[in-house]
């Protein structure tokens, strides 16, 4: 955990002490009074529905040795612990994280992209873990609070750090990169998630490209060469660019790709060397995740054997194309989230996974704005053209998927409004040996269909 002295806090944040206080060393940085560690520094955040300044006294009573505040209140007058006054406590928190990150001369790998950034980040960390002690982003802590939280967990034991950077608008990844100062930047792809907020794929590409622009001349951009928006980002890089994909000119590329129920296998060409790669996870998209991990592994000094072991040990992530066997049925639990690219990929994975009957149970996709109807219709056409045996949709957004599939000639199409209705319809259709895809945006919580089958 990050340890700071009073002098370092002032140096990192530009804070002033509310009143003179003896120098103190702080054991870590906390933002939640429910998890205060003894001797820690409490940072009082302000939000639309909460104000951490209301809890400064409580934090000190719970063991905090001082606090960072932007409000000076009368009730602070009697407090003896040092209070560091700043203009913006979130900015101060970020500055503390940057200050701490600069204590470490280790590879810091930042991953962004419209689809697959979490699984790519996790796979990179798994591969690097064959050689190094790795710190990586927890859960989806990939924003202006989550990234600093991750960086503040760096200790002298860590030999590499892998972080995820998300965004909901222009300028946000630039801010995150300024905090994390990555040495390697990975961009997975540019899709249509957040298009409601950014208006076009070109703007999404501009936002993702902020990571590459932030790299200095010693930095390396690891870019998906099969995505035209990402490939163009080589022009933004001051340092070195490495392309991965299936193109002949990609420095790290895959061919002889096999994707089935046993996992993903391919032959990898990596900077002139060739080797076989295999992972026990489903979905062709994992080829791209693996190529990014291979590129980062190579750049950070891993041997081919270490890279192969890391890929073979990767087990995927919960609710992300997770393969579940429940009685005589197979479920692909891909319910963590959905956008047009990941939805299409999941449908193709379902099609490739088995020669038996295939059923898709789909919720809607959020944050598409004016694009919502056309993107849901495109998914419906894909379902019909892929030749799936049945389609069940849940909720109003997904009704456009159903309508488009029917218009394309698919007959076994069913619309439902609740998890229970979707589960009952699925139970009426299922036959032994069937494979079922569950997919939808997080707000649809499509995983709630699974308990109807697990109880049987």
Protein backbone atom coordinates (compact mmCIF):
# COMPACT_ATOMS: atom_id res chain seq x y z
CA UNK A 1 0.00 0.00 0.00
CA UNK A 2 1.06 3.58 -0.62
CA UNK A 3 2.78 5.28 2.30
CA UNK A 4 2.98 9.07 2.35
CA UNK A 5 4.55 11.62 4.67
CA UNK A 6 2.93 14.99 5.28
CA UNK A 7 5.60 16.63 3.13
CA UNK A 8 4.91 14.24 0.24
CA UNK A 9 1.18 14.93 0.37
CA UNK A 10 1.85 18.65 0.11
CA UNK A 11 4.37 18.08 -2.68
CA UNK A 12 1.99 15.80 -4.66
CA UNK A 13 -1.20 17.83 -4.26
CA UNK A 14 -0.16 21.41 -3.58
CA UNK A 15 -2.22 21.27 -0.37
CA UNK A 16 -1.93 23.68 2.54
CA UNK A 17 -2.28 22.56 6.13
CA UNK A 18 -5.40 23.98 7.81
CA UNK A 19 -3.30 24.64 10.90
CA UNK A 20 0.23 23.71 11.96
CA UNK A 21 0.68 20.02 12.69
CA UNK A 22 3.57 17.70 13.45
CA UNK A 23 4.80 15.64 10.47
CA UNK A 24 2.95 12.35 10.12
CA UNK A 25 3.45 9.22 8.00
CA UNK A 26 0.23 7.76 6.60
CA UNK A 27 -0.11 4.01 6.09
CA UNK A 28 -2.45 4.18 3.07
CA UNK A 29 -5.07 6.32 1.35
CA UNK A 30 -8.79 5.68 2.04
CA UNK A 31 -11.94 7.19 0.56
CA UNK A 32 -14.58 5.12 2.36
CA UNK A 33 -15.20 5.51 6.10
CA UNK A 34 -16.44 1.90 6.18
CA UNK A 35 -12.93 0.68 5.35
CA UNK A 36 -10.68 3.05 7.29
CA UNK A 37 -7.29 1.59 8.20
CA UNK A 38 -5.47 2.78 11.28
CA UNK A 39 -2.97 5.50 10.39
CA UNK A 40 -4.48 6.11 6.96
CA UNK A 41 -5.17 9.32 5.06
CA UNK A 42 -8.88 9.95 4.42
CA UNK A 43 -9.80 11.78 1.20
CA UNK A 44 -13.22 13.47 1.37
CA UNK A 45 -14.88 13.12 -2.03
CA UNK A 46 -17.92 15.17 -3.04
CA UNK A 47 -20.60 13.76 -5.35
CA UNK A 48 -24.08 14.65 -6.51
CA UNK A 49 -25.70 12.66 -3.71
CA UNK A 50 -23.01 12.48 -1.02
CA UNK A 51 -20.31 14.60 0.61
CA UNK A 52 -17.35 12.97 2.30
CA UNK A 53 -16.77 16.13 4.33
CA UNK A 54 -19.73 15.06 6.45
CA UNK A 55 -17.67 12.09 7.62
CA UNK A 56 -14.22 13.58 8.30
CA UNK A 57 -14.72 13.39 12.06
CA UNK A 58 -16.01 9.83 11.81
CA UNK A 59 -12.97 8.83 9.70
CA UNK A 60 -10.56 10.26 12.28
CA UNK A 61 -12.43 8.50 15.09
CA UNK A 62 -12.15 5.23 13.13
CA UNK A 63 -8.35 5.52 13.00
CA UNK A 64 -7.46 7.83 10.12
CA UNK A 65 -4.41 9.97 10.95
CA UNK A 66 -5.42 12.90 8.75
CA UNK A 67 -7.66 13.99 5.90
CA UNK A 68 -7.65 15.77 2.55
CA UNK A 69 -10.52 18.26 2.29
CA UNK A 70 -11.73 21.03 -0.01
CA UNK A 71 -14.23 22.49 2.48
CA UNK A 72 -13.19 24.19 5.70
CA UNK A 73 -15.97 23.70 8.25
CA UNK A 74 -16.44 25.05 11.79
CA UNK A 75 -16.57 21.52 13.20
CA UNK A 76 -12.96 20.97 12.07
CA UNK A 77 -11.77 23.62 14.55
CA UNK A 78 -11.38 21.19 17.42
CA UNK A 79 -9.63 18.47 15.41
CA UNK A 80 -5.93 17.89 16.14
CA UNK A 81 -5.13 15.61 13.18
CA UNK A 82 -3.58 17.31 10.11
CA UNK A 83 -6.12 18.46 7.52
CA UNK A 84 -4.77 19.10 4.01
CA UNK A 85 -6.83 21.70 2.15
CA UNK A 86 -7.01 21.46 -1.66
CA UNK A 87 -9.26 22.92 -4.36
CA UNK A 88 -10.49 19.52 -5.57
CA UNK A 89 -10.20 16.33 -3.49
CA UNK A 90 -10.66 13.99 -6.49
CA UNK A 91 -7.81 15.76 -8.30
CA UNK A 92 -5.69 15.49 -5.16
CA UNK A 93 -6.43 11.74 -4.99
CA UNK A 94 -5.33 11.38 -8.61
CA UNK A 95 -2.18 13.42 -7.96
CA UNK A 96 -1.30 11.18 -5.02
CA UNK A 97 -1.69 8.14 -7.28
CA UNK A 98 0.56 9.68 -9.95
CA UNK A 99 3.16 10.59 -7.32
CA UNK A 100 3.10 7.01 -6.04
CA UNK A 101 3.23 5.47 -9.53
CA UNK A 102 6.43 7.46 -10.23
CA UNK A 103 8.16 5.62 -7.40
CA UNK A 104 8.25 2.49 -9.59
CA UNK A 105 10.34 1.88 -12.72
CA UNK A 106 8.26 -1.05 -13.92
CA UNK A 107 6.21 -1.78 -17.04
CA UNK A 108 2.79 -0.16 -16.71
CA UNK A 109 0.46 -1.56 -19.36
CA UNK A 110 -2.79 0.32 -20.07
CA UNK A 111 -5.60 -1.36 -22.04
CA UNK A 112 -8.56 0.35 -23.69
CA UNK A 113 -11.04 -0.46 -26.45
CA UNK A 114 -14.75 -0.73 -27.15
CA UNK A 115 -14.90 -4.50 -26.68
CA UNK A 116 -12.70 -6.93 -24.77
CA UNK A 117 -10.60 -4.57 -22.70
CA UNK A 118 -11.32 -6.38 -19.43
CA UNK A 119 -10.60 -9.87 -20.76
CA UNK A 120 -7.54 -8.59 -22.64
CA UNK A 121 -6.26 -6.88 -19.49
CA UNK A 122 -6.84 -10.05 -17.51
CA UNK A 123 -5.11 -12.23 -20.10
CA UNK A 124 -2.10 -9.89 -20.27
CA UNK A 125 -1.81 -10.00 -16.47
CA UNK A 126 -2.07 -13.81 -16.51
CA UNK A 127 0.71 -14.11 -19.10
CA UNK A 128 2.99 -11.60 -17.36
CA UNK A 129 2.35 -13.49 -14.12
CA UNK A 130 4.51 -16.33 -15.45
CA UNK A 131 7.57 -14.11 -14.96
CA UNK A 132 6.55 -11.16 -12.79
CA UNK A 133 4.51 -10.28 -9.70
CA UNK A 134 1.69 -8.33 -11.34
CA UNK A 135 -0.79 -5.79 -10.02
CA UNK A 136 -3.89 -5.42 -12.19
CA UNK A 137 -7.14 -3.47 -12.14
CA UNK A 138 -9.75 -5.12 -9.92
CA UNK A 139 -13.25 -5.75 -11.28
CA UNK A 140 -14.04 -2.85 -13.62
CA UNK A 141 -12.23 -0.12 -11.67
CA UNK A 142 -11.23 1.65 -14.88
CA UNK A 143 -12.34 5.24 -14.30
CA UNK A 144 -11.10 8.45 -12.63
CA UNK A 145 -11.48 6.89 -9.17
CA UNK A 146 -10.78 3.23 -9.93
CA UNK A 147 -7.46 3.81 -11.72
CA UNK A 148 -5.91 5.80 -8.86
CA UNK A 149 -7.22 3.19 -6.41
CA UNK A 150 -5.31 0.51 -8.35
CA UNK A 151 -2.08 2.52 -8.62
CA UNK A 152 -2.11 3.27 -4.89
CA UNK A 153 -1.91 -0.49 -4.27
CA UNK A 154 1.56 -0.73 -5.84
CA UNK A 155 4.23 -2.08 -3.50
CA UNK A 156 7.97 -2.71 -3.95
CA UNK A 157 7.11 -6.37 -4.55
CA UNK A 158 5.29 -5.60 -7.81
CA UNK A 159 7.27 -6.01 -11.02
CA UNK A 160 4.56 -5.06 -13.54
CA UNK A 161 1.19 -3.31 -13.52
CA UNK A 162 -1.72 -3.82 -15.93
CA UNK A 163 -4.56 -1.31 -15.83
CA UNK A 164 -7.77 -0.83 -17.75
CA UNK A 165 -8.94 2.56 -18.99
CA UNK A 166 -12.59 3.18 -19.77
CA UNK A 167 -14.31 6.33 -20.96
CA UNK A 168 -17.67 7.91 -21.62
CA UNK A 169 -16.44 10.97 -23.49
CA UNK A 170 -13.54 12.76 -25.14
CA UNK A 171 -10.65 13.75 -22.90
CA UNK A 172 -11.26 11.12 -20.23
CA UNK A 173 -8.64 8.60 -21.36
CA UNK A 174 -6.14 11.45 -21.72
CA UNK A 175 -6.79 12.29 -18.05
CA UNK A 176 -6.38 8.65 -16.99
CA UNK A 177 -3.16 8.27 -18.99
CA UNK A 178 -1.78 11.42 -17.34
CA UNK A 179 -2.34 9.74 -13.96
CA UNK A 180 -1.03 6.26 -14.83
CA UNK A 181 1.78 7.27 -17.21
CA UNK A 182 1.76 3.90 -19.02
CA UNK A 183 4.84 2.56 -20.77
CA UNK A 184 2.75 0.31 -23.06
CA UNK A 185 -0.67 1.20 -24.44
CA UNK A 186 -2.97 -1.48 -25.88
CA UNK A 187 -6.06 -0.66 -27.99
CA UNK A 188 -8.29 -3.66 -28.71
CA UNK A 189 -10.80 -2.20 -31.17
CA UNK A 190 -13.17 0.67 -31.92
CA UNK A 191 -16.83 -0.34 -31.86
CA UNK A 192 -20.12 1.44 -31.27
CA UNK A 193 -20.43 1.25 -27.50
CA UNK A 194 -20.97 4.80 -26.14
CA UNK A 195 -21.94 6.02 -29.63
CA UNK A 196 -24.95 7.70 -28.02
CA UNK A 197 -22.53 9.94 -26.14
CA UNK A 198 -19.86 10.42 -28.81
CA UNK A 199 -21.94 10.45 -31.99
CA UNK A 200 -19.70 8.45 -34.34
CA UNK A 201 -17.06 5.73 -34.52
CA UNK A 202 -14.59 8.39 -35.60
CA UNK A 203 -15.12 10.18 -32.27
CA UNK A 204 -14.84 6.89 -30.38
CA UNK A 205 -11.53 6.26 -32.18
CA UNK A 206 -10.38 9.75 -31.25
CA UNK A 207 -11.19 9.05 -27.60
CA UNK A 208 -9.39 5.68 -27.57
CA UNK A 209 -6.45 7.21 -29.43
CA UNK A 210 -5.80 9.51 -26.48
CA UNK A 211 -4.01 6.60 -24.81
CA UNK A 212 -1.57 6.31 -27.70
CA UNK A 213 -1.01 10.07 -27.85
CA UNK A 214 -0.10 9.99 -24.14
CA UNK A 215 2.82 7.59 -24.64
CA UNK A 216 6.24 9.26 -24.72
CA UNK A 217 9.04 8.46 -27.16
CA UNK A 218 10.07 5.47 -25.04
CA UNK A 219 6.53 4.08 -25.01
CA UNK A 220 5.10 1.29 -27.16
CA UNK A 221 1.65 1.14 -28.72
CA UNK A 222 0.21 -2.38 -29.16
CA UNK A 223 -2.56 -2.05 -31.74
CA UNK A 224 -5.11 -4.36 -33.36
CA UNK A 225 -4.05 -4.23 -37.00
CA UNK A 226 -7.29 -5.86 -38.17
CA UNK A 227 -9.33 -2.88 -36.97
CA UNK A 228 -8.91 0.01 -39.46
CA UNK A 229 -9.66 2.65 -36.81
CA UNK A 230 -7.01 1.21 -34.48
CA UNK A 231 -4.44 0.61 -37.20
CA UNK A 232 -4.46 4.33 -38.01
CA UNK A 233 -3.36 5.10 -34.46
CA UNK A 234 0.24 4.32 -35.42
CA UNK A 235 0.32 7.93 -36.66
CA UNK A 236 -0.41 9.15 -33.11
CA UNK A 237 2.49 7.31 -31.45
CA UNK A 238 5.70 9.14 -30.56
CA UNK A 239 7.40 5.86 -29.69
CA UNK A 240 7.17 2.38 -31.24
CA UNK A 241 4.03 0.78 -32.68
CA UNK A 242 3.44 -2.98 -32.74
CA UNK A 243 0.53 -4.36 -34.76
CA UNK A 244 -1.20 -7.64 -33.96
CA UNK A 245 -3.87 -9.47 -35.95
CA UNK A 246 -4.12 -11.78 -38.94
CA UNK A 247 -2.48 -9.59 -41.58
CA UNK A 248 0.83 -10.66 -43.14
CA UNK A 249 2.52 -7.42 -42.07
CA UNK A 250 1.47 -7.66 -38.41
CA UNK A 251 4.44 -8.21 -36.08
CA UNK A 252 2.35 -10.62 -33.99
CA UNK A 253 -0.17 -12.60 -36.03
CA UNK A 254 -2.27 -15.73 -35.90
CA UNK A 255 -3.13 -18.32 -38.51
CA UNK A 256 -4.43 -21.90 -38.51
CA UNK A 257 -7.08 -20.77 -35.99
CA UNK A 258 -9.32 -23.42 -34.42
CA UNK A 259 -12.20 -22.49 -32.07
CA UNK A 260 -14.34 -25.22 -30.55
CA UNK A 261 -15.73 -26.42 -27.22
CA UNK A 262 -12.22 -27.37 -26.10
CA UNK A 263 -10.98 -23.79 -26.49
CA UNK A 264 -8.95 -21.71 -28.90
CA UNK A 265 -5.81 -22.82 -30.71
CA UNK A 266 -3.68 -21.12 -33.35
CA UNK A 267 -0.18 -20.81 -34.75
CA UNK A 268 1.50 -17.55 -33.74
CA UNK A 269 4.13 -15.65 -35.69
CA UNK A 270 5.85 -13.32 -33.22
CA UNK A 271 8.66 -11.07 -34.41
CA UNK A 272 10.04 -13.80 -36.66
CA UNK A 273 9.50 -16.72 -34.29
CA UNK A 274 6.70 -19.25 -34.58
CA UNK A 275 4.93 -21.32 -31.94
CA UNK A 276 1.61 -22.96 -31.09
CA UNK A 277 -0.76 -21.17 -28.71
CA UNK A 278 -3.73 -22.71 -26.91
CA UNK A 279 -6.23 -21.46 -24.31
CA UNK A 280 -9.06 -23.36 -22.59
CA UNK A 281 -11.63 -20.61 -23.32
CA UNK A 282 -14.20 -20.28 -26.09
CA UNK A 283 -14.69 -17.55 -28.69
CA UNK A 284 -12.65 -16.38 -31.66
CA UNK A 285 -12.26 -12.95 -30.04
CA UNK A 286 -9.85 -14.60 -27.59
CA UNK A 287 -7.39 -14.94 -30.46
CA UNK A 288 -7.07 -11.14 -30.47
CA UNK A 289 -6.86 -10.99 -26.68
CA UNK A 290 -4.09 -13.58 -26.82
CA UNK A 291 -2.17 -11.77 -29.56
CA UNK A 292 -2.18 -8.60 -27.46
CA UNK A 293 -0.94 -10.59 -24.46
CA UNK A 294 1.75 -12.25 -26.57
CA UNK A 295 2.93 -8.87 -27.86
CA UNK A 296 3.12 -7.40 -24.35
CA UNK A 297 4.83 -10.55 -23.06
CA UNK A 298 7.45 -10.34 -25.79
CA UNK A 299 8.02 -6.61 -25.17
CA UNK A 300 8.54 -7.19 -21.44
CA UNK A 301 11.04 -10.03 -21.83
CA UNK A 302 9.03 -13.24 -21.49
CA UNK A 303 10.22 -16.38 -23.26
CA UNK A 304 7.98 -18.26 -25.71
CA UNK A 305 7.57 -21.02 -23.11
CA UNK A 306 6.45 -18.52 -20.45
CA UNK A 307 3.96 -16.98 -22.87
CA UNK A 308 2.58 -20.41 -23.81
CA UNK A 309 2.19 -21.40 -20.14
CA UNK A 310 0.44 -18.13 -19.35
CA UNK A 311 -2.08 -18.56 -22.17
CA UNK A 312 -2.72 -22.19 -21.23
CA UNK A 313 -3.44 -21.18 -17.63
CA UNK A 314 -5.98 -18.49 -18.55
CA UNK A 315 -9.47 -19.48 -17.44
CA UNK A 316 -11.55 -16.54 -18.61
CA UNK A 317 -13.83 -14.36 -16.50
CA UNK A 318 -17.23 -14.85 -14.94
CA UNK A 319 -20.19 -13.89 -17.15
CA UNK A 320 -17.92 -13.39 -20.17
CA UNK A 321 -18.52 -16.29 -22.56
CA UNK A 322 -18.45 -18.57 -19.55
CA UNK A 323 -19.28 -22.16 -20.50
CA UNK A 324 -21.69 -23.84 -18.06
CA UNK A 325 -23.00 -27.40 -18.20
CA UNK A 326 -26.36 -27.70 -16.41
CA UNK A 327 -27.88 -31.15 -16.69
CA UNK A 328 -28.17 -32.12 -20.36
CA UNK A 329 -27.80 -28.50 -21.53
CA UNK A 330 -24.84 -26.22 -22.25
CA UNK A 331 -25.12 -22.50 -21.50
CA UNK A 332 -22.84 -19.72 -22.74
CA UNK A 333 -23.15 -17.17 -19.94
CA UNK A 334 -22.07 -13.97 -21.68
CA UNK A 335 -24.24 -11.67 -19.61
CA UNK A 336 -21.77 -9.14 -18.20
CA UNK A 337 -22.57 -6.58 -20.90
CA UNK A 338 -23.40 -6.20 -24.58
CA UNK A 339 -22.83 -3.91 -27.53
CA UNK A 340 -23.19 -4.57 -31.28
CA UNK A 341 -19.69 -6.01 -31.72
CA UNK A 342 -19.75 -8.30 -28.67
CA UNK A 343 -23.32 -9.43 -29.45
CA UNK A 344 -22.34 -10.40 -32.99
CA UNK A 345 -19.23 -12.18 -31.70
CA UNK A 346 -21.28 -14.14 -29.17
CA UNK A 347 -23.71 -15.30 -31.86
CA UNK A 348 -20.84 -16.44 -34.07
CA UNK A 349 -19.29 -18.26 -31.11
CA UNK A 350 -22.56 -20.07 -30.45
CA UNK A 351 -22.71 -21.11 -34.09
CA UNK A 352 -19.14 -22.45 -34.13
CA UNK A 353 -19.27 -24.14 -30.75
CA UNK A 354 -21.51 -27.09 -31.52
CA UNK A 355 -23.14 -29.04 -34.31
CA UNK A 356 -26.24 -29.54 -32.11
CA UNK A 357 -29.24 -27.26 -31.67
CA UNK A 358 -28.51 -23.64 -30.83
CA UNK A 359 -30.79 -21.17 -29.05
CA UNK A 360 -30.08 -17.49 -28.38
CA UNK A 361 -31.77 -15.71 -25.45
CA UNK A 362 -31.03 -12.02 -25.92
CA UNK A 363 -31.72 -8.83 -24.01
CA UNK A 364 -31.21 -5.36 -25.42
CA UNK A 365 -28.10 -3.24 -25.88
CA UNK A 366 -27.90 0.11 -24.08
CA UNK A 367 -26.24 3.46 -24.85
CA UNK A 368 -26.89 3.34 -28.60
CA UNK A 369 -29.15 6.39 -28.82
CA UNK A 370 -30.39 7.01 -32.36
CA UNK A 371 -28.48 3.90 -33.49
CA UNK A 372 -30.49 1.57 -31.24
CA UNK A 373 -33.14 0.40 -33.72
CA UNK A 374 -30.76 -0.25 -36.62
CA UNK A 375 -28.18 -2.03 -34.44
CA UNK A 376 -30.79 -4.30 -32.83
CA UNK A 377 -32.23 -5.08 -36.26
CA UNK A 378 -28.75 -5.94 -37.54
CA UNK A 379 -28.39 -8.48 -34.72
CA UNK A 380 -31.76 -9.99 -35.60
CA UNK A 381 -30.73 -10.42 -39.22
CA UNK A 382 -27.46 -12.02 -38.10
CA UNK A 383 -29.32 -14.50 -35.88
CA UNK A 384 -31.54 -15.53 -38.81
CA UNK A 385 -28.69 -15.69 -41.31
CA UNK A 386 -26.56 -17.75 -38.93
CA UNK A 387 -29.30 -20.38 -38.86
CA UNK A 388 -29.86 -20.64 -35.12
CA UNK A 389 -32.67 -22.98 -34.14
CA UNK A 390 -34.57 -20.53 -31.94
CA UNK A 391 -34.46 -16.95 -30.67
CA UNK A 392 -35.97 -15.64 -27.44
CA UNK A 393 -35.78 -11.92 -26.73
CA UNK A 394 -36.47 -10.13 -23.44
CA UNK A 395 -37.59 -6.53 -23.04
CA UNK A 396 -38.68 -3.75 -25.37
CA UNK A 397 -35.25 -2.90 -26.82
CA UNK A 398 -34.74 -6.49 -27.94
CA UNK A 399 -38.09 -6.66 -29.75
CA UNK A 400 -36.36 -5.09 -32.76
CA UNK A 401 -34.00 -8.10 -32.77
CA UNK A 402 -37.00 -10.44 -32.91
CA UNK A 403 -38.81 -8.45 -35.60
CA UNK A 404 -35.76 -8.35 -37.86
CA UNK A 405 -35.12 -12.08 -37.44
CA UNK A 406 -38.73 -12.81 -38.42
CA UNK A 407 -38.50 -10.46 -41.39
CA UNK A 408 -35.43 -12.42 -42.50
CA UNK A 409 -37.51 -15.62 -42.50
CA UNK A 410 -36.82 -17.10 -39.06
CA UNK A 411 -39.94 -18.68 -37.57
CA UNK A 412 -38.92 -19.92 -34.09
CA UNK A 413 -38.86 -16.41 -32.60
CA UNK A 414 -40.35 -15.55 -29.20
CA UNK A 415 -40.61 -12.21 -27.38
CA UNK A 416 -40.84 -11.97 -23.58
CA UNK A 417 -40.84 -9.18 -21.02
CA UNK A 418 -39.34 -10.76 -17.88
CA UNK A 419 -36.67 -13.23 -16.82
CA UNK A 420 -39.35 -15.67 -15.71
CA UNK A 421 -41.18 -15.50 -19.06
CA UNK A 422 -37.90 -15.99 -20.94
CA UNK A 423 -36.97 -18.95 -18.74
CA UNK A 424 -40.40 -20.58 -19.17
CA UNK A 425 -40.23 -20.17 -22.93
CA UNK A 426 -36.73 -21.65 -22.96
CA UNK A 427 -37.85 -24.59 -20.84
CA UNK A 428 -40.61 -25.30 -23.36
CA UNK A 429 -38.10 -25.37 -26.23
CA UNK A 430 -35.10 -27.16 -24.72
CA UNK A 431 -34.02 -30.62 -25.79
CA UNK A 432 -31.15 -32.68 -24.40
CA UNK A 433 -27.84 -31.59 -25.90
CA UNK A 434 -28.95 -28.03 -26.74
CA UNK A 435 -26.57 -25.08 -26.37
CA UNK A 436 -28.01 -21.76 -25.18
CA UNK A 437 -26.48 -18.28 -25.41
CA UNK A 438 -27.50 -15.74 -22.75
CA UNK A 439 -26.51 -12.19 -23.70
CA UNK A 440 -27.60 -8.61 -23.04
CA UNK A 441 -26.47 -5.30 -21.59
CA UNK A 442 -25.78 -5.22 -17.84
CA UNK A 443 -29.10 -3.54 -17.09
CA UNK A 444 -30.91 -6.64 -18.42
CA UNK A 445 -29.10 -9.00 -15.97
CA UNK A 446 -29.70 -11.98 -18.28
CA UNK A 447 -27.88 -14.28 -15.83
CA UNK A 448 -31.06 -14.25 -13.75
CA UNK A 449 -32.44 -16.83 -16.18
CA UNK A 450 -29.89 -19.44 -15.04
CA UNK A 451 -31.40 -20.22 -11.60
CA UNK A 452 -34.56 -21.51 -13.27
CA UNK A 453 -32.42 -24.35 -14.63
CA UNK A 454 -29.94 -24.79 -11.77
CA UNK A 455 -32.78 -25.65 -9.37
CA UNK A 456 -33.99 -28.53 -11.51
